[in-house]
Amino acid sequence: MATNSPGGRSKPAPAPLSPDIRWQRGPLTLQLAGAARLRLGAGMIAAEGAEMRRFLKATGNQLTWKELAVAGPDDLSWFAVISLESTRGAPRGSKREEWTEDSVEADGRKVRIRTVAVPAGWGLLSFEVVSEQADAEAAKLEADDLLDGLEIPESGRSPFWLLPPALAVVAFAAYCVYWMILRRQRRL
């Protein structure tokens, strides 16, 4: 079953490990859109790309196409949906922020969604940790261990492809003006 959050995104409740998902097993390192790396230890699993999308659909998640990976413990007692969010128009500091939402599924299960937003490049890495409310404290501790494995290298803090659209428009306009000046000089 899924729950809807204020952002309109459907949130899954923990689901059993599906045999048709090809999970990557830790220890391993995930590359997160060139903005960061996430080290997963033994006992952790992750899915990216088509496998991640298959898992999110199977658990009732509505895809936003910002999702990069899903990670959690082998038993999926909780899992984190990792996304890259734009910061366009939103004030942003240099430290992580977090908040939680509690909801009740249609079948009566109580679910907690803990969102942790971490600045990375020109965006925010969003970790949405989904767990049963009864197991939320244990999930928080384990998810904090997962977040400790996050590495944001200085060179990856502002990759060119994550430029805000306004800056990309200014860069294109500057290129056009430069081209027109060169063309005019060649005629003279």
N, C-alpha and C. Protein backbone atom coordinates (compact mmCIF):
# COMPACT_ATOMS: atom_id res chain seq x y z
N MET A 1 0.84 -1.18 0.00
CA MET A 1 0.00 0.00 0.00
C MET A 1 0.88 1.24 0.00
N ALA A 2 0.34 2.34 -0.45
CA ALA A 2 1.10 3.56 -0.50
C ALA A 2 0.35 4.67 0.20
N THR A 3 1.09 5.68 0.63
CA THR A 3 0.48 6.85 1.24
C THR A 3 0.86 8.06 0.41
N ASN A 4 0.03 9.08 0.46
CA ASN A 4 0.34 10.30 -0.26
C ASN A 4 0.88 11.34 0.69
N SER A 5 1.96 11.98 0.32
CA SER A 5 2.53 13.05 1.12
C SER A 5 2.07 14.38 0.55
N PRO A 6 2.32 15.50 1.26
CA PRO A 6 1.88 16.80 0.78
C PRO A 6 2.41 17.14 -0.61
N GLY A 7 3.57 16.63 -1.00
CA GLY A 7 4.14 16.92 -2.32
C GLY A 7 3.48 16.14 -3.43
N GLY A 8 2.48 15.32 -3.12
CA GLY A 8 1.79 14.55 -4.14
C GLY A 8 2.50 13.27 -4.51
N ARG A 9 3.63 13.01 -3.90
CA ARG A 9 4.39 11.82 -4.20
C ARG A 9 3.87 10.69 -3.34
N SER A 10 3.65 9.55 -3.93
CA SER A 10 3.16 8.39 -3.21
C SER A 10 4.33 7.75 -2.48
N LYS A 11 4.13 7.40 -1.22
CA LYS A 11 5.19 6.83 -0.41
C LYS A 11 4.90 5.37 -0.11
N PRO A 12 5.86 4.50 -0.39
CA PRO A 12 5.63 3.09 -0.11
C PRO A 12 5.89 2.74 1.35
N ALA A 13 5.24 1.71 1.80
CA ALA A 13 5.56 1.11 3.08
C ALA A 13 6.54 -0.02 2.80
N PRO A 14 7.36 -0.41 3.78
CA PRO A 14 8.32 -1.48 3.53
C PRO A 14 7.65 -2.72 2.95
N ALA A 15 8.30 -3.30 1.96
CA ALA A 15 7.76 -4.47 1.27
C ALA A 15 8.78 -5.61 1.33
N PRO A 16 8.32 -6.83 1.18
CA PRO A 16 9.27 -7.95 1.18
C PRO A 16 10.19 -7.88 -0.03
N LEU A 17 11.37 -8.45 0.14
CA LEU A 17 12.34 -8.47 -0.94
C LEU A 17 11.75 -9.22 -2.13
N SER A 18 11.62 -8.53 -3.25
CA SER A 18 11.00 -9.12 -4.43
C SER A 18 12.03 -9.90 -5.22
N PRO A 19 11.73 -11.14 -5.63
CA PRO A 19 12.71 -11.95 -6.35
C PRO A 19 13.02 -11.40 -7.75
N ASP A 20 12.13 -10.58 -8.33
CA ASP A 20 12.41 -10.09 -9.67
C ASP A 20 13.25 -8.81 -9.67
N ILE A 21 13.63 -8.30 -8.49
CA ILE A 21 14.52 -7.14 -8.40
C ILE A 21 15.94 -7.66 -8.23
N ARG A 22 16.83 -7.23 -9.09
CA ARG A 22 18.24 -7.63 -8.97
C ARG A 22 18.95 -6.60 -8.10
N TRP A 23 19.03 -6.91 -6.81
CA TRP A 23 19.65 -6.01 -5.84
C TRP A 23 21.16 -6.11 -5.91
N GLN A 24 21.83 -4.99 -5.72
CA GLN A 24 23.28 -4.97 -5.54
C GLN A 24 23.52 -5.11 -4.04
N ARG A 25 24.42 -5.96 -3.66
CA ARG A 25 24.67 -6.22 -2.24
C ARG A 25 25.98 -5.56 -1.80
N GLY A 26 25.95 -4.99 -0.59
CA GLY A 26 27.13 -4.33 -0.03
C GLY A 26 28.16 -5.35 0.40
N PRO A 27 29.38 -4.89 0.56
CA PRO A 27 29.83 -3.50 0.44
C PRO A 27 29.95 -3.06 -1.02
N LEU A 28 29.52 -1.83 -1.27
CA LEU A 28 29.61 -1.24 -2.61
C LEU A 28 29.51 0.28 -2.49
N THR A 29 29.84 0.96 -3.57
CA THR A 29 29.74 2.42 -3.61
C THR A 29 28.84 2.81 -4.76
N LEU A 30 27.82 3.63 -4.46
CA LEU A 30 26.91 4.14 -5.49
C LEU A 30 27.38 5.53 -5.92
N GLN A 31 27.40 5.77 -7.21
CA GLN A 31 27.67 7.11 -7.74
C GLN A 31 26.33 7.80 -7.90
N LEU A 32 26.14 8.93 -7.24
CA LEU A 32 24.86 9.62 -7.24
C LEU A 32 24.91 10.85 -8.14
N ALA A 33 24.63 10.67 -9.41
CA ALA A 33 24.53 11.75 -10.40
C ALA A 33 25.76 12.64 -10.46
N GLY A 34 26.91 12.11 -10.18
CA GLY A 34 28.13 12.91 -10.25
C GLY A 34 28.26 13.91 -9.11
N ALA A 35 27.23 14.02 -8.27
CA ALA A 35 27.26 14.99 -7.18
C ALA A 35 27.80 14.40 -5.89
N ALA A 36 27.76 13.07 -5.75
CA ALA A 36 28.19 12.43 -4.51
C ALA A 36 28.39 10.94 -4.71
N ARG A 37 28.99 10.32 -3.69
CA ARG A 37 29.14 8.87 -3.64
C ARG A 37 28.55 8.41 -2.31
N LEU A 38 27.94 7.23 -2.34
CA LEU A 38 27.37 6.66 -1.12
C LEU A 38 27.95 5.27 -0.93
N ARG A 39 28.69 5.11 0.16
CA ARG A 39 29.27 3.81 0.49
C ARG A 39 28.27 3.01 1.31
N LEU A 40 27.99 1.79 0.86
CA LEU A 40 27.10 0.88 1.58
C LEU A 40 27.92 -0.26 2.15
N GLY A 41 27.70 -0.56 3.40
CA GLY A 41 28.42 -1.65 4.05
C GLY A 41 27.78 -3.00 3.82
N ALA A 42 28.40 -4.01 4.39
CA ALA A 42 27.84 -5.37 4.33
C ALA A 42 26.48 -5.36 5.00
N GLY A 43 25.56 -6.17 4.49
CA GLY A 43 24.22 -6.24 5.04
C GLY A 43 23.27 -5.21 4.44
N MET A 44 23.77 -4.40 3.52
CA MET A 44 22.94 -3.39 2.85
C MET A 44 22.74 -3.81 1.40
N ILE A 45 21.62 -3.37 0.82
CA ILE A 45 21.33 -3.62 -0.59
C ILE A 45 20.93 -2.31 -1.26
N ALA A 46 21.04 -2.28 -2.58
CA ALA A 46 20.66 -1.08 -3.33
C ALA A 46 20.19 -1.48 -4.71
N ALA A 47 19.39 -0.62 -5.30
CA ALA A 47 18.94 -0.79 -6.68
C ALA A 47 18.99 0.58 -7.35
N GLU A 48 19.41 0.58 -8.61
CA GLU A 48 19.48 1.80 -9.41
C GLU A 48 18.80 1.55 -10.75
N GLY A 49 18.54 2.60 -11.49
CA GLY A 49 18.02 2.48 -12.84
C GLY A 49 16.71 1.71 -12.92
N ALA A 50 16.63 0.80 -13.89
CA ALA A 50 15.40 0.04 -14.13
C ALA A 50 15.00 -0.80 -12.93
N GLU A 51 15.98 -1.36 -12.21
CA GLU A 51 15.67 -2.17 -11.03
C GLU A 51 15.03 -1.31 -9.94
N MET A 52 15.56 -0.10 -9.76
CA MET A 52 14.99 0.82 -8.78
C MET A 52 13.57 1.19 -9.16
N ARG A 53 13.36 1.52 -10.43
CA ARG A 53 12.00 1.89 -10.88
C ARG A 53 11.03 0.72 -10.71
N ARG A 54 11.48 -0.49 -10.98
CA ARG A 54 10.62 -1.67 -10.80
C ARG A 54 10.23 -1.81 -9.33
N PHE A 55 11.18 -1.63 -8.42
CA PHE A 55 10.89 -1.71 -6.99
C PHE A 55 9.91 -0.61 -6.57
N LEU A 56 10.16 0.62 -7.00
CA LEU A 56 9.29 1.73 -6.61
C LEU A 56 7.86 1.53 -7.11
N LYS A 57 7.73 1.05 -8.35
CA LYS A 57 6.38 0.78 -8.87
C LYS A 57 5.72 -0.35 -8.10
N ALA A 58 6.47 -1.40 -7.77
CA ALA A 58 5.91 -2.55 -7.05
C ALA A 58 5.45 -2.18 -5.65
N THR A 59 6.07 -1.14 -5.07
CA THR A 59 5.70 -0.73 -3.72
C THR A 59 4.74 0.46 -3.73
N GLY A 60 4.21 0.80 -4.90
CA GLY A 60 3.20 1.85 -4.98
C GLY A 60 3.72 3.26 -5.11
N ASN A 61 4.99 3.42 -5.41
CA ASN A 61 5.56 4.75 -5.55
C ASN A 61 5.25 5.35 -6.91
N GLN A 62 4.93 6.61 -6.92
CA GLN A 62 4.74 7.35 -8.17
C GLN A 62 6.09 7.95 -8.54
N LEU A 63 6.63 7.60 -9.70
CA LEU A 63 7.95 8.07 -10.11
C LEU A 63 7.93 9.55 -10.45
N THR A 64 8.98 10.26 -10.00
CA THR A 64 9.15 11.67 -10.36
C THR A 64 10.28 11.83 -11.37
N TRP A 65 11.04 10.77 -11.62
CA TRP A 65 12.21 10.74 -12.51
C TRP A 65 13.37 11.55 -11.94
N LYS A 66 13.30 11.86 -10.66
CA LYS A 66 14.42 12.48 -9.95
C LYS A 66 15.13 11.45 -9.09
N GLU A 67 14.54 10.24 -9.00
CA GLU A 67 15.09 9.19 -8.16
C GLU A 67 16.40 8.67 -8.74
N LEU A 68 17.37 8.45 -7.87
CA LEU A 68 18.68 7.94 -8.28
C LEU A 68 18.90 6.50 -7.83
N ALA A 69 18.41 6.17 -6.64
CA ALA A 69 18.65 4.83 -6.09
C ALA A 69 17.70 4.57 -4.92
N VAL A 70 17.61 3.31 -4.57
CA VAL A 70 16.93 2.86 -3.36
C VAL A 70 17.95 2.03 -2.60
N ALA A 71 18.05 2.25 -1.28
CA ALA A 71 19.00 1.50 -0.47
C ALA A 71 18.35 1.17 0.87
N GLY A 72 18.78 0.05 1.46
CA GLY A 72 18.27 -0.34 2.77
C GLY A 72 18.95 -1.61 3.24
N PRO A 73 18.55 -2.11 4.40
CA PRO A 73 19.12 -3.37 4.89
C PRO A 73 18.59 -4.55 4.08
N ASP A 74 19.30 -5.68 4.19
CA ASP A 74 18.91 -6.90 3.45
C ASP A 74 17.45 -7.28 3.63
N ASP A 75 16.90 -7.10 4.83
CA ASP A 75 15.53 -7.52 5.10
C ASP A 75 14.49 -6.46 4.72
N LEU A 76 14.94 -5.31 4.24
CA LEU A 76 14.07 -4.18 3.87
C LEU A 76 13.09 -3.80 4.98
N SER A 77 13.55 -3.86 6.22
CA SER A 77 12.72 -3.40 7.34
C SER A 77 12.48 -1.90 7.22
N TRP A 78 13.33 -1.23 6.46
CA TRP A 78 13.18 0.17 6.08
C TRP A 78 13.96 0.33 4.78
N PHE A 79 13.70 1.39 4.06
CA PHE A 79 14.52 1.69 2.89
C PHE A 79 14.51 3.18 2.64
N ALA A 80 15.52 3.65 1.91
CA ALA A 80 15.65 5.06 1.58
C ALA A 80 15.53 5.24 0.07
N VAL A 81 14.67 6.15 -0.34
CA VAL A 81 14.58 6.54 -1.75
C VAL A 81 15.47 7.77 -1.89
N ILE A 82 16.50 7.67 -2.72
CA ILE A 82 17.48 8.75 -2.87
C ILE A 82 17.19 9.48 -4.18
N SER A 83 16.97 10.80 -4.08
CA SER A 83 16.62 11.61 -5.25
C SER A 83 17.51 12.84 -5.30
N LEU A 84 17.63 13.42 -6.49
CA LEU A 84 18.33 14.69 -6.65
C LEU A 84 17.28 15.74 -6.96
N GLU A 85 17.12 16.68 -6.06
CA GLU A 85 16.11 17.73 -6.17
C GLU A 85 16.77 19.04 -6.57
N SER A 86 16.07 19.83 -7.35
CA SER A 86 16.55 21.16 -7.74
C SER A 86 16.39 22.10 -6.56
N THR A 87 17.28 23.07 -6.45
CA THR A 87 17.15 24.10 -5.42
C THR A 87 16.72 25.42 -6.02
N ARG A 88 16.32 25.41 -7.27
CA ARG A 88 15.93 26.64 -7.96
C ARG A 88 14.82 27.34 -7.18
N GLY A 89 15.07 28.58 -6.83
CA GLY A 89 14.07 29.39 -6.15
C GLY A 89 13.94 29.12 -4.66
N ALA A 90 14.71 28.20 -4.13
CA ALA A 90 14.62 27.89 -2.70
C ALA A 90 15.91 28.30 -2.01
N PRO A 91 15.81 28.95 -0.86
CA PRO A 91 17.03 29.27 -0.13
C PRO A 91 17.70 27.99 0.33
N ARG A 92 19.02 28.00 0.38
CA ARG A 92 19.74 26.78 0.71
C ARG A 92 20.96 27.10 1.54
N GLY A 93 21.13 26.39 2.61
CA GLY A 93 22.31 26.53 3.44
C GLY A 93 23.32 25.45 3.08
N SER A 94 24.33 25.32 3.90
CA SER A 94 25.36 24.32 3.62
C SER A 94 25.24 23.10 4.51
N LYS A 95 24.21 23.05 5.34
CA LYS A 95 24.05 21.89 6.22
C LYS A 95 22.79 21.11 5.86
N ARG A 96 22.74 19.90 6.35
CA ARG A 96 21.58 19.06 6.05
C ARG A 96 20.39 19.45 6.92
N GLU A 97 19.22 19.20 6.39
CA GLU A 97 17.98 19.44 7.12
C GLU A 97 17.16 18.16 7.07
N GLU A 98 16.29 17.99 8.07
CA GLU A 98 15.45 16.80 8.07
C GLU A 98 14.11 17.08 8.72
N TRP A 99 13.12 16.26 8.33
CA TRP A 99 11.79 16.34 8.89
C TRP A 99 11.13 14.97 8.74
N THR A 100 10.06 14.75 9.49
CA THR A 100 9.36 13.46 9.42
C THR A 100 7.87 13.68 9.19
N GLU A 101 7.26 12.67 8.60
CA GLU A 101 5.81 12.63 8.38
C GLU A 101 5.32 11.27 8.84
N ASP A 102 4.25 11.25 9.58
CA ASP A 102 3.61 9.99 9.98
C ASP A 102 2.29 9.87 9.23
N SER A 103 1.98 8.65 8.83
CA SER A 103 0.72 8.42 8.14
C SER A 103 0.21 7.02 8.46
N VAL A 104 -1.04 6.79 8.14
CA VAL A 104 -1.66 5.48 8.34
C VAL A 104 -2.07 4.95 6.98
N GLU A 105 -1.62 3.74 6.68
CA GLU A 105 -1.95 3.09 5.42
C GLU A 105 -3.42 2.67 5.42
N ALA A 106 -3.93 2.36 4.25
CA ALA A 106 -5.33 1.91 4.12
C ALA A 106 -5.59 0.65 4.94
N ASP A 107 -4.55 -0.19 5.09
CA ASP A 107 -4.72 -1.43 5.86
C ASP A 107 -4.48 -1.23 7.36
N GLY A 108 -4.28 0.03 7.80
CA GLY A 108 -4.12 0.32 9.22
C GLY A 108 -2.69 0.40 9.71
N ARG A 109 -1.72 0.03 8.87
CA ARG A 109 -0.32 0.11 9.28
C ARG A 109 0.10 1.56 9.43
N LYS A 110 0.90 1.83 10.45
CA LYS A 110 1.41 3.18 10.69
C LYS A 110 2.82 3.28 10.12
N VAL A 111 3.02 4.29 9.26
CA VAL A 111 4.28 4.44 8.53
C VAL A 111 4.90 5.79 8.88
N ARG A 112 6.22 5.82 9.00
CA ARG A 112 6.95 7.08 9.19
C ARG A 112 7.88 7.28 8.00
N ILE A 113 7.86 8.51 7.46
CA ILE A 113 8.75 8.89 6.37
C ILE A 113 9.65 10.01 6.90
N ARG A 114 10.92 9.71 7.01
CA ARG A 114 11.90 10.69 7.47
C ARG A 114 12.67 11.17 6.24
N THR A 115 12.61 12.46 5.97
CA THR A 115 13.31 13.03 4.82
C THR A 115 14.53 13.79 5.31
N VAL A 116 15.68 13.47 4.72
CA VAL A 116 16.92 14.16 5.02
C VAL A 116 17.41 14.79 3.72
N ALA A 117 17.57 16.12 3.71
CA ALA A 117 18.03 16.85 2.52
C ALA A 117 19.47 17.31 2.76
N VAL A 118 20.35 16.94 1.82
CA VAL A 118 21.77 17.25 1.94
C VAL A 118 22.20 18.04 0.70
N PRO A 119 22.76 19.26 0.87
CA PRO A 119 23.24 20.02 -0.29
C PRO A 119 24.34 19.25 -1.03
N ALA A 120 24.21 19.21 -2.36
CA ALA A 120 25.21 18.54 -3.20
C ALA A 120 25.18 19.20 -4.58
N GLY A 121 26.25 19.87 -4.94
CA GLY A 121 26.27 20.57 -6.22
C GLY A 121 25.25 21.70 -6.20
N TRP A 122 24.54 21.84 -7.30
CA TRP A 122 23.50 22.86 -7.41
C TRP A 122 22.15 22.31 -7.02
N GLY A 123 22.15 21.17 -6.34
CA GLY A 123 20.89 20.55 -5.96
C GLY A 123 20.95 20.03 -4.54
N LEU A 124 19.93 19.31 -4.18
CA LEU A 124 19.85 18.66 -2.88
C LEU A 124 19.67 17.17 -3.08
N LEU A 125 20.45 16.39 -2.38
CA LEU A 125 20.20 14.95 -2.34
C LEU A 125 19.15 14.74 -1.26
N SER A 126 18.07 14.09 -1.63
CA SER A 126 16.97 13.84 -0.71
C SER A 126 16.96 12.34 -0.39
N PHE A 127 17.02 12.03 0.90
CA PHE A 127 16.93 10.65 1.37
C PHE A 127 15.59 10.53 2.08
N GLU A 128 14.64 9.80 1.49
CA GLU A 128 13.34 9.58 2.11
C GLU A 128 13.35 8.18 2.72
N VAL A 129 13.50 8.13 4.03
CA VAL A 129 13.62 6.86 4.75
C VAL A 129 12.22 6.42 5.16
N VAL A 130 11.79 5.27 4.66
CA VAL A 130 10.44 4.76 4.88
C VAL A 130 10.51 3.57 5.82
N SER A 131 9.73 3.64 6.92
CA SER A 131 9.71 2.54 7.89
C SER A 131 8.35 2.47 8.57
N GLU A 132 8.10 1.37 9.24
CA GLU A 132 6.93 1.26 10.09
C GLU A 132 7.19 2.17 11.29
N GLN A 133 6.14 2.82 11.81
CA GLN A 133 6.33 3.72 12.95
C GLN A 133 6.92 2.99 14.16
N ALA A 134 6.51 1.76 14.38
CA ALA A 134 7.01 0.99 15.52
C ALA A 134 8.51 0.76 15.44
N ASP A 135 9.07 0.72 14.23
CA ASP A 135 10.49 0.47 14.02
C ASP A 135 11.25 1.74 13.65
N ALA A 136 10.61 2.90 13.80
CA ALA A 136 11.19 4.16 13.31
C ALA A 136 12.51 4.52 13.99
N GLU A 137 12.64 4.28 15.29
CA GLU A 137 13.88 4.64 15.99
C GLU A 137 15.06 3.79 15.50
N ALA A 138 14.82 2.49 15.35
CA ALA A 138 15.88 1.62 14.84
C ALA A 138 16.23 2.00 13.41
N ALA A 139 15.21 2.31 12.59
CA ALA A 139 15.45 2.72 11.20
C ALA A 139 16.25 4.02 11.16
N LYS A 140 15.97 4.95 12.08
CA LYS A 140 16.70 6.22 12.12
C LYS A 140 18.18 5.97 12.39
N LEU A 141 18.48 5.12 13.37
CA LEU A 141 19.88 4.81 13.70
C LEU A 141 20.60 4.17 12.52
N GLU A 142 19.96 3.19 11.89
CA GLU A 142 20.57 2.52 10.75
C GLU A 142 20.71 3.46 9.56
N ALA A 143 19.70 4.31 9.33
CA ALA A 143 19.77 5.26 8.22
C ALA A 143 20.85 6.30 8.46
N ASP A 144 21.08 6.67 9.73
CA ASP A 144 22.18 7.59 10.04
C ASP A 144 23.52 6.96 9.67
N ASP A 145 23.66 5.66 9.90
CA ASP A 145 24.87 4.96 9.47
C ASP A 145 25.01 5.02 7.95
N LEU A 146 23.88 4.86 7.25
CA LEU A 146 23.90 4.97 5.78
C LEU A 146 24.36 6.36 5.37
N LEU A 147 23.81 7.39 6.00
CA LEU A 147 24.18 8.77 5.66
C LEU A 147 25.63 9.08 5.99
N ASP A 148 26.20 8.39 6.98
CA ASP A 148 27.62 8.57 7.29
C ASP A 148 28.50 8.13 6.13
N GLY A 149 27.97 7.26 5.27
CA GLY A 149 28.73 6.80 4.10
C GLY A 149 28.64 7.72 2.90
N LEU A 150 27.98 8.88 3.06
CA LEU A 150 27.83 9.84 1.96
C LEU A 150 29.08 10.69 1.83
N GLU A 151 29.63 10.74 0.61
CA GLU A 151 30.82 11.56 0.33
C GLU A 151 30.48 12.54 -0.78
N ILE A 152 30.65 13.83 -0.50
CA ILE A 152 30.43 14.87 -1.51
C ILE A 152 31.78 15.53 -1.76
N PRO A 153 32.48 15.11 -2.81
CA PRO A 153 33.80 15.68 -3.07
C PRO A 153 33.70 17.14 -3.50
N GLU A 154 34.75 17.91 -3.18
CA GLU A 154 34.77 19.33 -3.56
C GLU A 154 34.58 19.51 -5.05
N SER A 155 35.20 18.65 -5.85
CA SER A 155 35.06 18.78 -7.30
C SER A 155 33.66 18.43 -7.78
N GLY A 156 32.89 17.71 -6.95
CA GLY A 156 31.54 17.33 -7.34
C GLY A 156 30.46 18.24 -6.78
N ARG A 157 30.87 19.31 -6.12
CA ARG A 157 29.88 20.16 -5.49
C ARG A 157 29.11 21.01 -6.48
N SER A 158 29.67 21.29 -7.63
CA SER A 158 28.92 22.10 -8.59
C SER A 158 29.19 21.63 -10.02
N PRO A 159 28.74 20.42 -10.36
CA PRO A 159 28.94 19.94 -11.73
C PRO A 159 28.22 20.84 -12.73
N PHE A 160 28.85 21.05 -13.89
CA PHE A 160 28.33 21.97 -14.91
C PHE A 160 26.92 21.62 -15.34
N TRP A 161 26.61 20.32 -15.47
CA TRP A 161 25.30 19.93 -15.98
C TRP A 161 24.18 20.24 -15.00
N LEU A 162 24.51 20.63 -13.77
CA LEU A 162 23.47 20.99 -12.80
C LEU A 162 23.30 22.50 -12.69
N LEU A 163 23.81 23.27 -13.66
CA LEU A 163 23.66 24.72 -13.61
C LEU A 163 22.19 25.09 -13.59
N PRO A 164 21.86 26.12 -12.82
CA PRO A 164 20.47 26.57 -12.84
C PRO A 164 20.09 27.04 -14.24
N PRO A 165 18.86 26.85 -14.66
CA PRO A 165 18.45 27.24 -16.01
C PRO A 165 18.73 28.71 -16.34
N ALA A 166 18.56 29.62 -15.39
CA ALA A 166 18.81 31.04 -15.66
C ALA A 166 20.27 31.26 -16.03
N LEU A 167 21.19 30.59 -15.34
CA LEU A 167 22.60 30.73 -15.64
C LEU A 167 22.92 30.13 -17.01
N ALA A 168 22.28 29.03 -17.36
CA ALA A 168 22.49 28.43 -18.68
C ALA A 168 22.02 29.38 -19.78
N VAL A 169 20.91 30.09 -19.58
CA VAL A 169 20.39 31.05 -20.56
C VAL A 169 21.37 32.20 -20.71
N VAL A 170 21.90 32.70 -19.60
CA VAL A 170 22.88 33.79 -19.65
C VAL A 170 24.13 33.34 -20.40
N ALA A 171 24.59 32.13 -20.13
CA ALA A 171 25.78 31.62 -20.82
C ALA A 171 25.53 31.50 -22.31
N PHE A 172 24.35 31.02 -22.70
CA PHE A 172 24.03 30.90 -24.12
C PHE A 172 23.95 32.28 -24.77
N ALA A 173 23.34 33.25 -24.10
CA ALA A 173 23.25 34.62 -24.63
C ALA A 173 24.63 35.22 -24.81
N ALA A 174 25.52 35.00 -23.84
CA ALA A 174 26.89 35.51 -23.95
C ALA A 174 27.60 34.88 -25.15
N TYR A 175 27.40 33.60 -25.37
CA TYR A 175 27.99 32.93 -26.52
C TYR A 175 27.47 33.54 -27.82
N CYS A 176 26.17 33.82 -27.90
CA CYS A 176 25.58 34.41 -29.11
C CYS A 176 26.15 35.79 -29.39
N VAL A 177 26.29 36.61 -28.35
CA VAL A 177 26.87 37.95 -28.52
C VAL A 177 28.31 37.83 -28.99
N TYR A 178 29.08 36.93 -28.39
CA TYR A 178 30.46 36.70 -28.79
C TYR A 178 30.54 36.30 -30.27
N TRP A 179 29.67 35.39 -30.69
CA TRP A 179 29.65 34.93 -32.08
C TRP A 179 29.32 36.09 -33.02
N MET A 180 28.35 36.94 -32.64
CA MET A 180 27.97 38.08 -33.49
C MET A 180 29.12 39.08 -33.60
N ILE A 181 29.85 39.32 -32.53
CA ILE A 181 31.00 40.24 -32.57
C ILE A 181 32.08 39.68 -33.48
N LEU A 182 32.38 38.40 -33.36
CA LEU A 182 33.38 37.79 -34.24
C LEU A 182 32.94 37.88 -35.71
N ARG A 183 31.71 37.64 -35.98
CA ARG A 183 31.20 37.70 -37.35
C ARG A 183 31.31 39.11 -37.92
N ARG A 184 30.99 40.12 -37.08
CA ARG A 184 31.08 41.51 -37.52
C ARG A 184 32.52 41.90 -37.79
N GLN A 185 33.47 41.44 -36.93
CA GLN A 185 34.89 41.76 -37.11
C GLN A 185 35.43 41.15 -38.40
N ARG A 186 34.95 40.00 -38.77
CA ARG A 186 35.42 39.36 -39.99
C ARG A 186 34.96 40.12 -41.24
N ARG A 187 33.82 40.80 -41.17
CA ARG A 187 33.34 41.58 -42.31
C ARG A 187 34.13 42.85 -42.51
N LEU A 188 34.68 43.41 -41.43
CA LEU A 188 35.41 44.68 -41.53
C LEU A 188 36.72 44.54 -42.15
